[in-house]
N, C-alpha and C. Protein backbone atom coordinates (compact mmCIF):
# COMPACT_ATOMS: atom_id res chain seq x y z
N MET A 1 4.12 -7.35 42.35
CA MET A 1 4.20 -8.38 41.64
C MET A 1 3.18 -8.55 40.57
N LYS A 2 1.95 -8.51 41.03
CA LYS A 2 0.83 -8.52 40.15
C LYS A 2 0.86 -7.57 39.06
N LYS A 3 1.03 -6.42 39.48
CA LYS A 3 1.03 -5.08 38.64
C LYS A 3 2.20 -5.33 37.41
N PHE A 4 3.36 -5.92 37.69
CA PHE A 4 4.20 -6.26 36.93
C PHE A 4 3.82 -7.00 35.59
N TYR A 5 3.07 -8.25 35.92
CA TYR A 5 2.63 -9.20 35.24
C TYR A 5 1.57 -8.64 34.37
N LEU A 6 0.70 -7.68 34.97
CA LEU A 6 -0.38 -7.24 34.33
C LEU A 6 0.32 -6.25 33.41
N LEU A 7 1.33 -5.23 33.65
CA LEU A 7 1.74 -4.72 32.76
C LEU A 7 2.44 -5.34 31.38
N ILE A 8 3.02 -6.39 31.79
CA ILE A 8 3.53 -7.19 30.68
C ILE A 8 2.55 -7.81 29.79
N ALA A 9 1.56 -8.29 30.22
CA ALA A 9 0.32 -8.77 29.42
C ALA A 9 -0.35 -7.65 28.70
N VAL A 10 -0.18 -6.46 29.14
CA VAL A 10 -0.90 -5.18 28.39
C VAL A 10 0.05 -4.87 27.27
N MET A 11 1.26 -5.04 27.59
CA MET A 11 2.21 -4.49 26.36
C MET A 11 2.46 -5.59 25.35
N THR A 12 2.03 -6.91 25.89
CA THR A 12 2.17 -8.01 24.77
C THR A 12 0.88 -7.86 23.91
N LEU A 13 -0.07 -7.48 24.53
CA LEU A 13 -1.38 -7.60 23.68
C LEU A 13 -1.33 -6.30 22.83
N ALA A 14 -0.80 -5.05 23.29
CA ALA A 14 -0.60 -3.88 22.37
C ALA A 14 0.43 -4.11 21.30
N LEU A 15 1.48 -4.73 21.52
CA LEU A 15 2.36 -5.08 20.39
C LEU A 15 1.74 -5.86 19.51
N THR A 16 1.00 -6.95 19.58
CA THR A 16 0.50 -7.87 19.04
C THR A 16 -0.59 -7.31 18.13
N ALA A 17 -1.44 -6.44 18.69
CA ALA A 17 -2.59 -5.66 17.97
C ALA A 17 -1.57 -4.87 16.87
N SER A 18 -0.73 -4.09 17.30
CA SER A 18 -0.07 -2.94 16.23
C SER A 18 0.67 -4.11 15.26
N ALA A 19 1.21 -5.26 15.43
CA ALA A 19 1.76 -6.20 14.37
C ALA A 19 0.75 -6.41 13.43
N GLN A 20 -0.52 -6.79 13.92
CA GLN A 20 -1.63 -7.27 12.94
C GLN A 20 -2.04 -6.02 12.09
N GLU A 21 -2.16 -4.94 12.74
CA GLU A 21 -2.50 -3.84 11.88
C GLU A 21 -1.55 -3.50 10.72
N ASN A 22 -0.21 -3.62 10.98
CA ASN A 22 0.90 -3.35 9.93
C ASN A 22 0.50 -4.35 8.65
N ARG A 23 0.14 -5.50 8.98
CA ARG A 23 -0.08 -6.56 7.98
C ARG A 23 -1.33 -6.43 7.02
N LYS A 24 -2.00 -5.59 7.30
CA LYS A 24 -3.19 -5.27 6.60
C LYS A 24 -2.88 -4.73 5.07
N PHE A 25 -3.34 -5.12 4.19
CA PHE A 25 -3.06 -4.51 2.90
C PHE A 25 -3.65 -3.28 2.54
N SER A 26 -3.04 -2.20 2.21
CA SER A 26 -3.58 -0.86 1.94
C SER A 26 -3.50 -0.71 0.43
N PRO A 27 -4.64 -0.59 -0.48
CA PRO A 27 -4.50 -0.51 -1.63
C PRO A 27 -3.85 1.01 -2.06
N GLU A 28 -4.21 2.11 -1.09
CA GLU A 28 -3.75 3.38 -1.42
C GLU A 28 -2.04 3.26 -1.51
N GLN A 29 -1.69 2.61 -0.10
CA GLN A 29 -0.14 2.58 0.18
C GLN A 29 0.51 1.64 -1.06
N PHE A 30 -0.08 0.52 -1.48
CA PHE A 30 0.24 -0.13 -2.76
C PHE A 30 0.51 0.88 -3.74
N GLU A 31 -0.48 1.49 -4.41
CA GLU A 31 -0.49 2.44 -5.49
C GLU A 31 0.70 3.43 -5.25
N ALA A 32 0.87 4.02 -4.02
CA ALA A 32 1.89 5.12 -3.79
C ALA A 32 3.26 4.59 -3.88
N ASP A 33 3.39 3.19 -3.44
CA ASP A 33 4.75 2.51 -3.44
C ASP A 33 5.11 2.14 -5.02
N LEU A 34 3.81 1.70 -5.77
CA LEU A 34 4.15 1.45 -7.09
C LEU A 34 4.39 2.45 -8.00
N GLU A 35 3.96 3.79 -7.65
CA GLU A 35 4.18 5.00 -8.42
C GLU A 35 5.56 5.45 -8.02
N ALA A 36 5.95 5.36 -6.83
CA ALA A 36 7.30 5.88 -6.30
C ALA A 36 8.29 4.98 -7.07
N PHE A 37 8.14 3.56 -7.27
CA PHE A 37 9.06 2.81 -7.76
C PHE A 37 9.14 3.02 -9.32
N ILE A 38 8.20 3.23 -9.91
CA ILE A 38 8.10 3.53 -11.46
C ILE A 38 8.93 4.65 -11.63
N THR A 39 8.37 5.74 -10.95
CA THR A 39 9.05 7.08 -11.11
C THR A 39 10.58 7.08 -11.03
N LYS A 40 10.82 6.33 -10.02
CA LYS A 40 12.57 6.12 -9.94
C LYS A 40 13.20 5.30 -10.81
N GLU A 41 12.55 4.16 -11.14
CA GLU A 41 13.18 3.27 -12.36
C GLU A 41 13.07 3.68 -13.52
N ALA A 42 12.15 4.35 -13.98
CA ALA A 42 11.86 4.92 -15.25
C ALA A 42 12.49 6.31 -15.49
N ALA A 43 12.84 6.87 -14.23
CA ALA A 43 13.37 8.43 -14.33
C ALA A 43 12.25 9.45 -14.84
N LEU A 44 11.12 9.32 -14.22
CA LEU A 44 10.08 10.37 -14.82
C LEU A 44 10.17 11.51 -14.03
N THR A 45 9.99 12.53 -14.85
CA THR A 45 10.08 13.91 -14.28
C THR A 45 8.67 14.12 -13.67
N GLN A 46 8.32 15.18 -12.91
CA GLN A 46 7.12 15.49 -12.44
C GLN A 46 6.12 15.69 -13.41
N GLN A 47 6.52 16.45 -14.47
CA GLN A 47 5.63 16.67 -15.56
C GLN A 47 5.16 15.20 -16.26
N GLU A 48 6.17 14.58 -16.49
CA GLU A 48 5.94 13.18 -17.10
C GLU A 48 5.22 12.24 -16.18
N SER A 49 5.20 12.29 -15.06
CA SER A 49 4.38 11.40 -13.91
C SER A 49 3.20 12.08 -13.94
N ALA A 50 2.90 13.38 -13.98
CA ALA A 50 1.53 13.84 -14.05
C ALA A 50 0.78 13.49 -15.33
N LYS A 51 1.38 13.29 -16.32
CA LYS A 51 0.58 12.67 -17.40
C LYS A 51 0.68 11.17 -17.42
N PHE A 52 1.59 10.27 -17.03
CA PHE A 52 1.92 8.89 -17.03
C PHE A 52 0.93 8.36 -16.20
N PHE A 53 0.87 8.78 -14.81
CA PHE A 53 -0.02 7.89 -13.84
C PHE A 53 -1.51 8.03 -13.90
N PRO A 54 -1.99 9.15 -14.38
CA PRO A 54 -3.57 9.10 -14.62
C PRO A 54 -3.85 7.94 -15.62
N LEU A 55 -3.24 7.81 -16.49
CA LEU A 55 -3.40 6.86 -17.64
C LEU A 55 -3.19 5.45 -17.24
N LEU A 56 -2.09 5.23 -16.32
CA LEU A 56 -1.98 3.80 -15.94
C LEU A 56 -3.10 3.60 -14.90
N ARG A 57 -3.34 4.48 -13.88
CA ARG A 57 -4.47 4.24 -13.08
C ARG A 57 -6.02 3.87 -13.81
N GLU A 58 -6.16 4.78 -14.93
CA GLU A 58 -7.33 4.35 -15.84
C GLU A 58 -7.21 2.90 -16.38
N MET A 59 -6.22 2.66 -17.00
CA MET A 59 -5.76 1.28 -17.34
C MET A 59 -6.08 0.38 -16.38
N HIS A 60 -5.53 0.33 -15.18
CA HIS A 60 -5.82 -0.55 -14.35
C HIS A 60 -7.11 -0.73 -13.90
N GLU A 61 -7.89 0.27 -13.84
CA GLU A 61 -9.39 -0.05 -13.73
C GLU A 61 -10.04 -0.52 -14.37
N LYS A 62 -9.90 -0.41 -15.73
CA LYS A 62 -10.40 -1.11 -16.81
C LYS A 62 -9.93 -2.63 -16.74
N GLN A 63 -8.76 -3.05 -16.55
CA GLN A 63 -8.41 -4.06 -16.73
C GLN A 63 -8.77 -5.04 -15.22
N ARG A 64 -9.02 -4.11 -14.06
CA ARG A 64 -9.55 -4.76 -12.91
C ARG A 64 -11.07 -5.47 -13.12
N VAL A 65 -11.96 -4.76 -13.87
CA VAL A 65 -13.23 -5.28 -14.36
C VAL A 65 -13.08 -6.55 -15.04
N LEU A 66 -12.09 -6.79 -16.02
CA LEU A 66 -11.89 -7.87 -16.81
C LEU A 66 -11.19 -8.98 -15.92
N PHE A 67 -10.32 -8.69 -15.02
CA PHE A 67 -9.69 -9.65 -14.15
C PHE A 67 -10.84 -10.48 -13.20
N GLY A 68 -11.84 -9.52 -12.83
CA GLY A 68 -13.00 -9.99 -11.98
C GLY A 68 -13.95 -11.18 -12.66
N ARG A 69 -13.96 -10.67 -14.13
CA ARG A 69 -14.74 -11.54 -14.88
C ARG A 69 -14.07 -12.87 -15.17
N ILE A 70 -12.95 -13.07 -15.42
CA ILE A 70 -11.97 -14.02 -15.49
C ILE A 70 -11.95 -14.76 -14.36
N HIS A 71 -11.82 -14.10 -13.14
CA HIS A 71 -11.98 -14.68 -11.88
C HIS A 71 -13.22 -15.58 -11.77
N GLN A 72 -14.50 -15.07 -11.82
CA GLN A 72 -15.85 -15.48 -11.96
C GLN A 72 -15.96 -16.66 -12.95
N ALA A 73 -15.45 -16.66 -14.22
CA ALA A 73 -15.44 -17.63 -15.06
C ALA A 73 -14.64 -18.98 -14.72
N GLY A 74 -13.72 -18.55 -13.82
CA GLY A 74 -12.61 -19.68 -13.46
C GLY A 74 -13.26 -20.43 -12.18
N LYS A 75 -14.30 -19.90 -11.47
CA LYS A 75 -14.85 -20.29 -10.58
C LYS A 75 -15.95 -21.70 -11.01
N ILE A 76 -16.59 -21.31 -12.14
CA ILE A 76 -17.49 -22.26 -12.72
C ILE A 76 -16.96 -23.70 -13.16
N THR A 77 -17.40 -24.63 -12.77
CA THR A 77 -16.84 -26.04 -13.32
C THR A 77 -17.89 -26.39 -14.13
N PRO A 78 -17.34 -26.68 -15.67
CA PRO A 78 -18.30 -26.96 -16.66
C PRO A 78 -18.99 -28.36 -16.30
N ALA A 79 -20.24 -28.61 -16.83
CA ALA A 79 -20.90 -29.76 -16.79
C ALA A 79 -20.60 -30.69 -17.90
N ASP A 80 -20.27 -30.16 -18.92
CA ASP A 80 -20.06 -31.05 -20.26
C ASP A 80 -19.16 -30.41 -21.07
N GLU A 81 -18.77 -31.06 -22.24
CA GLU A 81 -17.95 -30.60 -23.26
C GLU A 81 -18.28 -29.38 -23.69
N ALA A 82 -19.39 -29.05 -24.09
CA ALA A 82 -19.91 -27.69 -24.77
C ALA A 82 -19.68 -26.62 -23.85
N ALA A 83 -19.96 -26.75 -22.64
CA ALA A 83 -20.04 -25.85 -21.59
C ALA A 83 -18.20 -25.51 -20.87
N ALA A 84 -17.41 -26.62 -21.21
CA ALA A 84 -16.21 -26.31 -20.97
C ALA A 84 -15.40 -25.68 -21.96
N ALA A 85 -15.84 -25.95 -23.50
CA ALA A 85 -15.32 -25.16 -24.58
C ALA A 85 -15.70 -23.63 -24.48
N ALA A 86 -17.05 -23.57 -24.15
CA ALA A 86 -17.42 -21.90 -23.91
C ALA A 86 -16.76 -21.43 -22.85
N SER A 87 -16.29 -21.92 -21.68
CA SER A 87 -15.76 -21.27 -20.72
C SER A 87 -14.24 -21.01 -21.32
N ILE A 88 -13.68 -21.82 -21.96
CA ILE A 88 -12.31 -21.68 -22.24
C ILE A 88 -12.17 -20.52 -23.50
N LYS A 89 -13.16 -20.47 -24.31
CA LYS A 89 -13.50 -19.41 -25.31
C LYS A 89 -13.40 -17.96 -24.57
N GLU A 90 -14.55 -18.07 -23.54
CA GLU A 90 -14.73 -16.64 -22.93
C GLU A 90 -13.68 -16.10 -22.12
N CYS A 91 -12.91 -17.08 -21.62
CA CYS A 91 -11.51 -16.78 -20.91
C CYS A 91 -10.44 -16.36 -21.69
N ASP A 92 -10.39 -16.80 -22.97
CA ASP A 92 -9.59 -16.70 -23.96
C ASP A 92 -9.97 -15.26 -24.41
N GLN A 93 -11.11 -14.88 -24.74
CA GLN A 93 -11.71 -13.67 -25.08
C GLN A 93 -11.40 -12.63 -24.32
N LEU A 94 -11.47 -12.87 -22.99
CA LEU A 94 -11.12 -11.90 -21.92
C LEU A 94 -9.81 -11.34 -21.76
N ASN A 95 -8.90 -12.50 -21.96
CA ASN A 95 -7.58 -12.10 -21.84
C ASN A 95 -6.94 -11.33 -23.11
N VAL A 96 -7.52 -11.47 -24.40
CA VAL A 96 -7.54 -10.82 -25.49
C VAL A 96 -7.83 -9.47 -25.23
N GLU A 97 -9.01 -9.13 -24.58
CA GLU A 97 -9.48 -7.83 -24.19
C GLU A 97 -8.54 -7.05 -23.17
N LEU A 98 -7.97 -7.98 -22.32
CA LEU A 98 -6.81 -7.32 -21.46
C LEU A 98 -5.63 -6.78 -22.27
N LYS A 99 -5.50 -7.60 -23.12
CA LYS A 99 -4.20 -7.21 -23.97
C LYS A 99 -4.42 -5.75 -24.72
N GLU A 100 -5.74 -5.82 -25.39
CA GLU A 100 -6.32 -4.88 -26.29
C GLU A 100 -6.19 -3.51 -25.41
N ILE A 101 -6.68 -3.52 -24.19
CA ILE A 101 -6.97 -2.35 -23.35
C ILE A 101 -5.25 -1.88 -22.90
N GLU A 102 -4.33 -3.02 -22.64
CA GLU A 102 -3.04 -2.80 -22.50
C GLU A 102 -2.23 -1.87 -23.71
N ARG A 103 -2.66 -2.31 -24.86
CA ARG A 103 -2.11 -1.78 -26.08
C ARG A 103 -2.46 -0.30 -26.30
N LYS A 104 -3.67 -0.25 -26.06
CA LYS A 104 -4.33 1.09 -26.25
C LYS A 104 -3.77 2.01 -25.39
N TYR A 105 -3.46 1.74 -23.97
CA TYR A 105 -2.92 2.44 -22.92
C TYR A 105 -1.46 2.81 -23.30
N HIS A 106 -0.80 1.75 -23.74
CA HIS A 106 0.48 1.86 -23.95
C HIS A 106 0.64 2.99 -25.16
N GLN A 107 -0.12 3.03 -26.19
CA GLN A 107 -0.02 4.02 -27.25
C GLN A 107 -0.29 5.50 -26.68
N LYS A 108 -1.34 5.66 -25.84
CA LYS A 108 -1.70 6.80 -25.21
C LYS A 108 -0.50 7.43 -24.41
N MET A 109 0.07 6.48 -23.60
CA MET A 109 1.30 6.89 -22.73
C MET A 109 2.33 7.45 -23.61
N MET A 110 2.69 6.64 -24.79
CA MET A 110 3.70 7.08 -25.63
C MET A 110 3.26 8.35 -26.36
N LYS A 111 2.27 8.89 -26.47
CA LYS A 111 1.82 10.05 -27.01
C LYS A 111 2.27 11.29 -25.83
N GLU A 112 2.16 10.88 -24.59
CA GLU A 112 2.39 11.73 -23.39
C GLU A 112 3.78 11.97 -22.97
N VAL A 113 4.53 10.71 -22.96
CA VAL A 113 5.86 10.38 -22.31
C VAL A 113 6.80 9.72 -23.36
N PRO A 114 7.95 10.07 -23.41
CA PRO A 114 8.94 9.21 -24.49
C PRO A 114 8.85 7.76 -24.29
N ALA A 115 8.80 7.14 -25.36
CA ALA A 115 8.64 5.62 -25.46
C ALA A 115 9.79 4.83 -24.71
N VAL A 116 10.85 5.37 -24.48
CA VAL A 116 11.85 4.62 -23.82
C VAL A 116 11.44 4.75 -22.30
N LYS A 117 10.95 5.71 -21.85
CA LYS A 117 10.50 6.07 -20.46
C LYS A 117 9.17 5.16 -20.24
N VAL A 118 8.33 5.18 -21.21
CA VAL A 118 7.21 4.06 -21.20
C VAL A 118 7.69 2.68 -21.13
N PHE A 119 8.69 2.29 -21.87
CA PHE A 119 9.29 1.03 -21.96
C PHE A 119 9.69 0.52 -20.37
N HIS A 120 10.56 1.53 -19.97
CA HIS A 120 11.12 1.47 -18.47
C HIS A 120 10.03 1.44 -17.41
N ALA A 121 9.06 2.19 -17.61
CA ALA A 121 7.90 2.13 -16.62
C ALA A 121 7.00 0.79 -16.73
N ILE A 122 6.79 0.11 -17.94
CA ILE A 122 6.43 -1.13 -18.17
C ILE A 122 7.14 -2.24 -17.31
N LYS A 123 8.44 -2.15 -17.55
CA LYS A 123 9.51 -3.27 -16.84
C LYS A 123 9.46 -3.01 -15.48
N ALA A 124 9.62 -1.62 -15.05
CA ALA A 124 9.57 -1.32 -13.63
C ALA A 124 8.09 -1.84 -12.87
N GLU A 125 7.16 -1.61 -13.40
CA GLU A 125 5.66 -2.10 -12.75
C GLU A 125 5.91 -3.57 -12.69
N ASN A 126 6.59 -4.34 -13.73
CA ASN A 126 6.58 -5.99 -13.57
C ASN A 126 7.18 -6.45 -12.52
N ARG A 127 8.49 -5.78 -12.29
CA ARG A 127 9.28 -5.98 -11.49
C ARG A 127 8.78 -5.55 -9.83
N PHE A 128 8.08 -4.41 -10.01
CA PHE A 128 7.47 -4.17 -8.56
C PHE A 128 6.34 -5.14 -8.24
N HIS A 129 5.78 -5.64 -9.07
CA HIS A 129 4.63 -6.74 -8.95
C HIS A 129 5.40 -8.13 -8.48
N ARG A 130 6.51 -8.50 -9.13
CA ARG A 130 7.39 -9.61 -8.83
C ARG A 130 7.80 -9.49 -7.30
N ARG A 131 8.44 -8.36 -7.00
CA ARG A 131 8.76 -8.32 -5.64
C ARG A 131 7.76 -8.26 -4.86
N MET A 132 6.62 -7.48 -4.92
CA MET A 132 5.79 -7.76 -3.92
C MET A 132 5.10 -9.20 -3.62
N MET A 133 5.06 -9.89 -4.84
CA MET A 133 4.51 -11.25 -4.76
C MET A 133 5.59 -12.06 -3.78
N LYS A 134 6.78 -11.89 -3.83
CA LYS A 134 7.74 -12.58 -3.12
C LYS A 134 7.78 -12.29 -1.71
N GLY A 135 7.63 -10.97 -1.58
CA GLY A 135 7.52 -10.66 -0.12
C GLY A 135 6.06 -11.01 0.39
N TRP A 136 5.12 -11.22 -0.06
CA TRP A 136 4.00 -11.74 0.44
C TRP A 136 3.87 -13.33 0.63
N MET A 137 4.66 -14.05 -0.36
CA MET A 137 4.89 -15.46 -0.25
C MET A 137 5.94 -15.82 1.04
N LYS A 138 6.91 -14.96 1.23
CA LYS A 138 7.94 -15.05 2.27
C LYS A 138 7.14 -14.82 3.48
N ASN A 139 6.35 -13.56 3.70
CA ASN A 139 5.77 -13.30 4.75
C ASN A 139 4.30 -13.95 5.07
N GLY A 140 3.73 -14.31 4.08
CA GLY A 140 2.52 -14.78 4.37
C GLY A 140 2.34 -16.14 4.07
N LYS A 141 3.41 -17.10 3.78
CA LYS A 141 3.37 -18.24 3.50
C LYS A 141 2.08 -18.86 2.81
N PRO A 142 1.95 -18.71 1.39
CA PRO A 142 0.82 -19.13 0.75
C PRO A 142 0.16 -20.61 1.48
N LYS A 143 -1.12 -20.66 1.25
CA LYS A 143 -1.48 -21.95 1.83
C LYS A 143 -1.89 -22.63 0.60
N GLY A 144 -1.84 -24.09 0.83
CA GLY A 144 -2.08 -24.84 -0.28
C GLY A 144 -3.51 -25.43 -0.01
N PRO A 145 -4.05 -26.68 -0.45
CA PRO A 145 -5.28 -27.20 -0.07
C PRO A 145 -5.39 -27.38 1.49
N LYS A 146 -6.49 -27.16 2.04
CA LYS A 146 -6.72 -27.31 3.29
C LYS A 146 -5.93 -26.79 4.13
N GLY A 147 -5.44 -25.48 3.82
CA GLY A 147 -4.67 -24.67 4.63
C GLY A 147 -3.18 -25.27 4.88
N GLN A 148 -2.73 -26.16 4.33
CA GLN A 148 -1.44 -26.74 4.57
C GLN A 148 -0.67 -25.84 3.45
N PRO A 149 0.73 -25.68 4.05
CA PRO A 149 1.49 -24.98 3.32
C PRO A 149 1.88 -25.66 1.80
N LYS A 150 1.98 -24.91 0.63
CA LYS A 150 2.48 -25.61 -0.46
C LYS A 150 3.81 -26.32 -0.44
N ASP A 151 3.64 -27.43 -1.13
CA ASP A 151 4.71 -28.32 -1.20
C ASP A 151 5.47 -27.80 -2.61
N ARG A 152 6.78 -27.12 -2.34
CA ARG A 152 7.48 -26.48 -3.33
C ARG A 152 8.18 -27.18 -4.17
N ARG A 153 8.32 -28.63 -3.93
CA ARG A 153 9.25 -29.62 -4.75
C ARG A 153 8.51 -29.96 -6.13
N ARG A 154 7.38 -29.88 -6.22
CA ARG A 154 6.71 -30.54 -7.60
C ARG A 154 6.97 -29.36 -8.57
């Protein structure tokens, strides 16, 4: 009987450990899923994908740097009006730079892939991100202040 309970305990621990491993975020898997989704939704051929995705990855790398700077700027609490105004101007400028990068890369993409497919790829990327966020919200239960679930009625 003790062996039976020991076996059940070991199996429970193994299942718990494997379930936790599956919940970890994998940037490589996210990127692969994104590319597969865009390829399907925008009907990209292999040749078009080979031209499109390196540009998309390059654009995301440049944007990631600016997202980090925006995040850092948002963490700072200004002490006075001048500091607050400077912080707002900095964030506005960073957002303009983000859009400028996006515009520049969209132009490059349209030189390599038909504009209609670039349009569908942009829309597909937005849909993919929204769906992923909805999945994280369902599964991860985003937390509000002090670790409490957010009140969705507001």
